[in-house]
């Protein structure tokens, strides 16, 4: 196999395929992690909407 005019043997082809597979894995993990962060932010925003703000003068010093 040749890549950019360079002849690659079996080990180099395997290494290239492994690097591409690791890159694909990292991209999948990054996408899932970003989605998880979005879900957490959305959940926190929904929680703040559901809980009413504390009434004035009812705190420990009020």
PDB file of N, CA and C in Angstrom:
ATOM      1  N   UNK A   1       0.857  -1.171   0.000  1.00  0.00           N
ATOM      2  CA  UNK A   1       0.000   0.000   0.000  1.00  0.00           C
ATOM      3  C   UNK A   1       0.901   1.229   0.000  1.00  0.00           C
ATOM      4  N   UNK A   2       0.514   2.236  -0.762  1.00  0.00           N
ATOM      5  CA  UNK A   2       1.262   3.488  -0.776  1.00  0.00           C
ATOM      6  C   UNK A   2       0.383   4.613  -0.278  1.00  0.00           C
ATOM      7  N   UNK A   3       0.969   5.494   0.483  1.00  0.00           N
ATOM      8  CA  UNK A   3       0.259   6.641   1.035  1.00  0.00           C
ATOM      9  C   UNK A   3       1.166   7.848   0.887  1.00  0.00           C
ATOM     10  N   UNK A   4       0.752   8.821   0.095  1.00  0.00           N
ATOM     11  CA  UNK A   4       1.553  10.015  -0.187  1.00  0.00           C
ATOM     12  C   UNK A   4       2.918   9.651  -0.749  1.00  0.00           C
ATOM     13  N   UNK A   5       2.975   8.640  -1.588  1.00  0.00           N
ATOM     14  CA  UNK A   5       4.222   8.224  -2.211  1.00  0.00           C
ATOM     15  C   UNK A   5       5.108   7.367  -1.329  1.00  0.00           C
ATOM     16  N   UNK A   6       4.648   7.035  -0.147  1.00  0.00           N
ATOM     17  CA  UNK A   6       5.422   6.219   0.805  1.00  0.00           C
ATOM     18  C   UNK A   6       4.848   4.814   0.812  1.00  0.00           C
ATOM     19  N   UNK A   7       5.701   3.813   0.629  1.00  0.00           N
ATOM     20  CA  UNK A   7       5.248   2.435   0.677  1.00  0.00           C
ATOM     21  C   UNK A   7       5.142   1.998   2.140  1.00  0.00           C
ATOM     22  N   UNK A   8       3.978   1.464   2.505  1.00  0.00           N
ATOM     23  CA  UNK A   8       3.739   1.047   3.887  1.00  0.00           C
ATOM     24  C   UNK A   8       3.716  -0.475   3.957  1.00  0.00           C
ATOM     25  N   UNK A   9       4.372  -1.023   4.969  1.00  0.00           N
ATOM     26  CA  UNK A   9       4.325  -2.473   5.171  1.00  0.00           C
ATOM     27  C   UNK A   9       3.175  -2.807   6.126  1.00  0.00           C
ATOM     28  N   UNK A  10       3.032  -4.039   6.513  1.00  0.00           N
ATOM     29  CA  UNK A  10       1.921  -4.504   7.338  1.00  0.00           C
ATOM     30  C   UNK A  10       1.820  -3.815   8.678  1.00  0.00           C
ATOM     31  N   UNK A  11       2.968  -3.668   9.356  1.00  0.00           N
ATOM     32  CA  UNK A  11       2.945  -3.035  10.679  1.00  0.00           C
ATOM     33  C   UNK A  11       2.538  -1.569  10.588  1.00  0.00           C
ATOM     34  N   UNK A  12       2.992  -0.880   9.587  1.00  0.00           N
ATOM     35  CA  UNK A  12       2.642   0.528   9.442  1.00  0.00           C
ATOM     36  C   UNK A  12       1.165   0.696   9.093  1.00  0.00           C
ATOM     37  N   UNK A  13       0.638  -0.191   8.270  1.00  0.00           N
ATOM     38  CA  UNK A  13      -0.789  -0.148   7.940  1.00  0.00           C
ATOM     39  C   UNK A  13      -1.605  -0.408   9.195  1.00  0.00           C
ATOM     40  N   UNK A  14      -1.197  -1.413   9.977  1.00  0.00           N
ATOM     41  CA  UNK A  14      -1.906  -1.711  11.229  1.00  0.00           C
ATOM     42  C   UNK A  14      -1.839  -0.508  12.179  1.00  0.00           C
ATOM     43  N   UNK A  15      -0.683   0.126  12.268  1.00  0.00           N
ATOM     44  CA  UNK A  15      -0.544   1.299  13.126  1.00  0.00           C
ATOM     45  C   UNK A  15      -1.421   2.447  12.671  1.00  0.00           C
ATOM     46  N   UNK A  16      -1.496   2.657  11.356  1.00  0.00           N
ATOM     47  CA  UNK A  16      -2.340   3.714  10.815  1.00  0.00           C
ATOM     48  C   UNK A  16      -3.810   3.437  11.093  1.00  0.00           C
ATOM     49  N   UNK A  17      -4.237   2.210  10.897  1.00  0.00           N
ATOM     50  CA  UNK A  17      -5.629   1.837  11.182  1.00  0.00           C
ATOM     51  C   UNK A  17      -5.928   1.982  12.671  1.00  0.00           C
ATOM     52  N   UNK A  18      -4.971   1.606  13.513  1.00  0.00           N
ATOM     53  CA  UNK A  18      -5.166   1.741  14.963  1.00  0.00           C
ATOM     54  C   UNK A  18      -5.309   3.207  15.368  1.00  0.00           C
ATOM     55  N   UNK A  19      -4.484   4.074  14.795  1.00  0.00           N
ATOM     56  CA  UNK A  19      -4.580   5.500  15.122  1.00  0.00           C
ATOM     57  C   UNK A  19      -5.915   6.079  14.685  1.00  0.00           C
ATOM     58  N   UNK A  20      -6.388   5.679  13.511  1.00  0.00           N
ATOM     59  CA  UNK A  20      -7.685   6.164  13.039  1.00  0.00           C
ATOM     60  C   UNK A  20      -8.807   5.654  13.942  1.00  0.00           C
ATOM     61  N   UNK A  21      -8.700   4.397  14.391  1.00  0.00           N
ATOM     62  CA  UNK A  21      -9.718   3.839  15.288  1.00  0.00           C
ATOM     63  C   UNK A  21      -9.724   4.568  16.632  1.00  0.00           C
ATOM     64  N   UNK A  22      -8.546   4.879  17.154  1.00  0.00           N
ATOM     65  CA  UNK A  22      -8.464   5.606  18.428  1.00  0.00           C
ATOM     66  C   UNK A  22      -9.035   7.011  18.268  1.00  0.00           C
ATOM     67  N   UNK A  23      -8.759   7.664  17.153  1.00  0.00           N
ATOM     68  CA  UNK A  23      -9.327   8.983  16.903  1.00  0.00           C
ATOM     69  C   UNK A  23     -10.850   8.919  16.851  1.00  0.00           C
ATOM     70  N   UNK A  24     -11.391   7.913  16.178  1.00  0.00           N
ATOM     71  CA  UNK A  24     -12.847   7.757  16.110  1.00  0.00           C
ATOM     72  C   UNK A  24     -13.426   7.526  17.505  1.00  0.00           C
ATOM     73  N   UNK A  25     -12.758   6.709  18.314  1.00  0.00           N
ATOM     74  CA  UNK A  25     -13.217   6.462  19.676  1.00  0.00           C
ATOM     75  C   UNK A  25     -13.240   7.751  20.483  1.00  0.00           C
ATOM     76  N   UNK A  26     -12.185   8.558  20.392  1.00  0.00           N
ATOM     77  CA  UNK A  26     -12.123   9.821  21.119  1.00  0.00           C
ATOM     78  C   UNK A  26     -13.224  10.772  20.680  1.00  0.00           C
ATOM     79  N   UNK A  27     -13.531  10.789  19.376  1.00  0.00           N
ATOM     80  CA  UNK A  27     -14.598  11.661  18.900  1.00  0.00           C
ATOM     81  C   UNK A  27     -15.954  11.236  19.444  1.00  0.00           C
ATOM     82  N   UNK A  28     -16.189   9.933  19.529  1.00  0.00           N
ATOM     83  CA  UNK A  28     -17.449   9.431  20.084  1.00  0.00           C
ATOM     84  C   UNK A  28     -17.537   9.780  21.575  1.00  0.00           C
ATOM     85  N   UNK A  29     -16.453   9.575  22.294  1.00  0.00           N
ATOM     86  CA  UNK A  29     -16.440   9.886  23.729  1.00  0.00           C
ATOM     87  C   UNK A  29     -16.648  11.383  23.953  1.00  0.00           C
ATOM     88  N   UNK A  30     -16.007  12.217  23.143  1.00  0.00           N
ATOM     89  CA  UNK A  30     -16.170  13.659  23.279  1.00  0.00           C
ATOM     90  C   UNK A  30     -17.616  14.078  23.022  1.00  0.00           C
ATOM     91  N   UNK A  31     -18.228  13.524  21.994  1.00  0.00           N
ATOM     92  CA  UNK A  31     -19.618  13.870  21.687  1.00  0.00           C
ATOM     93  C   UNK A  31     -20.550  13.447  22.818  1.00  0.00           C
ATOM     94  N   UNK A  32     -20.346  12.255  23.356  1.00  0.00           N
ATOM     95  CA  UNK A  32     -21.204  11.791  24.453  1.00  0.00           C
ATOM     96  C   UNK A  32     -20.997  12.617  25.711  1.00  0.00           C
ATOM     97  N   UNK A  33     -19.744  13.015  25.976  1.00  0.00           N
ATOM     98  CA  UNK A  33     -19.463  13.810  27.168  1.00  0.00           C
ATOM     99  C   UNK A  33     -20.114  15.181  27.055  1.00  0.00           C
ATOM    100  N   UNK A  34     -20.034  15.794  25.870  1.00  0.00           N
ATOM    101  CA  UNK A  34     -20.666  17.096  25.668  1.00  0.00           C
ATOM    102  C   UNK A  34     -22.181  16.989  25.800  1.00  0.00           C
ATOM    103  N   UNK A  35     -22.755  15.908  25.303  1.00  0.00           N
ATOM    104  CA  UNK A  35     -24.196  15.698  25.433  1.00  0.00           C
ATOM    105  C   UNK A  35     -24.584  15.535  26.899  1.00  0.00           C
ATOM    106  N   UNK A  36     -23.761  14.826  27.659  1.00  0.00           N
ATOM    107  CA  UNK A  36     -24.027  14.634  29.081  1.00  0.00           C
ATOM    108  C   UNK A  36     -23.988  15.977  29.818  1.00  0.00           C
ATOM    109  N   UNK A  37     -23.022  16.815  29.483  1.00  0.00           N
ATOM    110  CA  UNK A  37     -22.925  18.130  30.121  1.00  0.00           C
ATOM    111  C   UNK A  37     -24.162  18.961  29.791  1.00  0.00           C
ATOM    112  N   UNK A  38     -24.629  18.896  28.541  1.00  0.00           N
ATOM    113  CA  UNK A  38     -25.848  19.618  28.172  1.00  0.00           C
ATOM    114  C   UNK A  38     -27.046  19.117  28.967  1.00  0.00           C
ATOM    115  N   UNK A  39     -27.141  17.801  29.148  1.00  0.00           N
ATOM    116  CA  UNK A  39     -28.258  17.244  29.909  1.00  0.00           C
ATOM    117  C   UNK A  39     -28.217  17.706  31.356  1.00  0.00           C
ATOM    118  N   UNK A  40     -27.048  17.731  31.954  1.00  0.00           N
ATOM    119  CA  UNK A  40     -26.911  18.182  33.345  1.00  0.00           C
ATOM    120  C   UNK A  40     -27.314  19.650  33.455  1.00  0.00           C
ATOM    121  N   UNK A  41     -26.850  20.485  32.524  1.00  0.00           N
ATOM    122  CA  UNK A  41     -27.211  21.906  32.567  1.00  0.00           C
ATOM    123  C   UNK A  41     -28.724  22.086  32.403  1.00  0.00           C
ATOM    124  N   UNK A  42     -29.321  21.325  31.492  1.00  0.00           N
ATOM    125  CA  UNK A  42     -30.771  21.409  31.286  1.00  0.00           C
ATOM    126  C   UNK A  42     -31.510  20.958  32.543  1.00  0.00           C
ATOM    127  N   UNK A  43     -31.028  19.911  33.182  1.00  0.00           N
ATOM    128  CA  UNK A  43     -31.662  19.400  34.398  1.00  0.00           C
ATOM    129  C   UNK A  43     -31.577  20.443  35.519  1.00  0.00           C
ATOM    130  N   UNK A  44     -30.409  21.065  35.675  1.00  0.00           N
ATOM    131  CA  UNK A  44     -30.251  22.085  36.711  1.00  0.00           C
ATOM    132  C   UNK A  44     -31.156  23.279  36.444  1.00  0.00           C
ATOM    133  N   UNK A  45     -31.286  23.671  35.168  1.00  0.00           N
ATOM    134  CA  UNK A  45     -32.159  24.782  34.832  1.00  0.00           C
ATOM    135  C   UNK A  45     -33.610  24.430  35.146  1.00  0.00           C
ATOM    136  N   UNK A  46     -34.019  23.200  34.848  1.00  0.00           N
ATOM    137  CA  UNK A  46     -35.381  22.774  35.165  1.00  0.00           C
ATOM    138  C   UNK A  46     -35.620  22.717  36.669  1.00  0.00           C
ATOM    139  N   UNK A  47     -34.616  22.326  37.427  1.00  0.00           N
ATOM    140  CA  UNK A  47     -34.761  22.265  38.877  1.00  0.00           C
ATOM    141  C   UNK A  47     -34.934  23.657  39.465  1.00  0.00           C
ATOM    142  N   UNK A  48     -34.231  24.634  38.946  1.00  0.00           N
ATOM    143  CA  UNK A  48     -34.374  25.992  39.480  1.00  0.00           C
ATOM    144  C   UNK A  48     -35.732  26.570  39.131  1.00  0.00           C
ATOM    145  N   UNK A  49     -36.312  26.168  38.005  1.00  0.00           N
ATOM    146  CA  UNK A  49     -37.651  26.641  37.658  1.00  0.00           C
ATOM    147  C   UNK A  49     -38.712  26.033  38.560  1.00  0.00           C
ATOM    148  N   UNK A  50     -38.516  24.787  38.965  1.00  0.00           N
ATOM    149  CA  UNK A  50     -39.528  24.082  39.750  1.00  0.00           C
ATOM    150  C   UNK A  50     -39.546  24.526  41.206  1.00  0.00           C
ATOM    151  N   UNK A  51     -38.402  24.873  41.753  1.00  0.00           N
ATOM    152  CA  UNK A  51     -38.358  25.257  43.164  1.00  0.00           C
ATOM    153  C   UNK A  51     -38.667  26.749  43.286  1.00  0.00           C
ATOM    154  N   UNK A  52     -39.635  27.105  44.100  1.00  0.00           N
ATOM    155  CA  UNK A  52     -39.974  28.533  44.249  1.00  0.00           C
ATOM    156  C   UNK A  52     -38.869  29.248  45.031  1.00  0.00           C
ATOM    157  N   UNK A  53     -38.673  30.527  44.765  1.00  0.00           N
ATOM    158  CA  UNK A  53     -37.658  31.268  45.522  1.00  0.00           C
ATOM    159  C   UNK A  53     -38.109  31.422  46.975  1.00  0.00           C
ATOM    160  N   UNK A  54     -37.169  31.500  47.899  1.00  0.00           N
ATOM    161  CA  UNK A  54     -37.557  31.647  49.313  1.00  0.00           C
ATOM    162  C   UNK A  54     -38.251  32.987  49.553  1.00  0.00           C
ATOM    163  N   UNK A  55     -39.219  32.966  50.451  1.00  0.00           N
ATOM    164  CA  UNK A  55     -39.960  34.189  50.774  1.00  0.00           C
ATOM    165  C   UNK A  55     -39.061  35.151  51.537  1.00  0.00           C
ATOM    166  N   UNK A  56     -39.261  36.442  51.320  1.00  0.00           N
ATOM    167  CA  UNK A  56     -38.440  37.466  51.986  1.00  0.00           C
ATOM    168  C   UNK A  56     -38.730  37.463  53.478  1.00  0.00           C
ATOM    169  N   UNK A  57     -37.712  37.638  54.280  1.00  0.00           N
ATOM    170  CA  UNK A  57     -37.881  37.741  55.719  1.00  0.00           C
ATOM    171  C   UNK A  57     -38.029  36.398  56.411  1.00  0.00           C
ATOM    172  N   UNK A  58     -37.850  35.294  55.746  1.00  0.00           N
ATOM    173  CA  UNK A  58     -38.018  34.003  56.391  1.00  0.00           C
ATOM    174  C   UNK A  58     -36.703  33.255  56.555  1.00  0.00           C
ATOM    175  N   UNK A  59     -35.595  33.927  56.287  1.00  0.00           N
ATOM    176  CA  UNK A  59     -34.302  33.293  56.444  1.00  0.00           C
ATOM    177  C   UNK A  59     -33.871  33.244  57.903  1.00  0.00           C
ATOM    178  N   UNK A  60     -32.698  32.744  58.182  1.00  0.00           N
ATOM    179  CA  UNK A  60     -32.241  32.637  59.571  1.00  0.00           C
ATOM    180  C   UNK A  60     -32.038  33.979  60.257  1.00  0.00           C
ATOM    181  N   UNK A  61     -31.838  35.063  59.463  1.00  0.00           N
ATOM    182  CA  UNK A  61     -31.637  36.373  60.077  1.00  0.00           C
ATOM    183  C   UNK A  61     -32.818  37.295  59.845  1.00  0.00           C
ATOM    184  N   UNK A  62     -33.913  36.776  59.247  1.00  0.00           N
ATOM    185  CA  UNK A  62     -35.019  37.668  58.896  1.00  0.00           C
ATOM    186  C   UNK A  62     -36.210  37.505  59.695  1.00  0.00           C
TER     187      UNK A  62
END
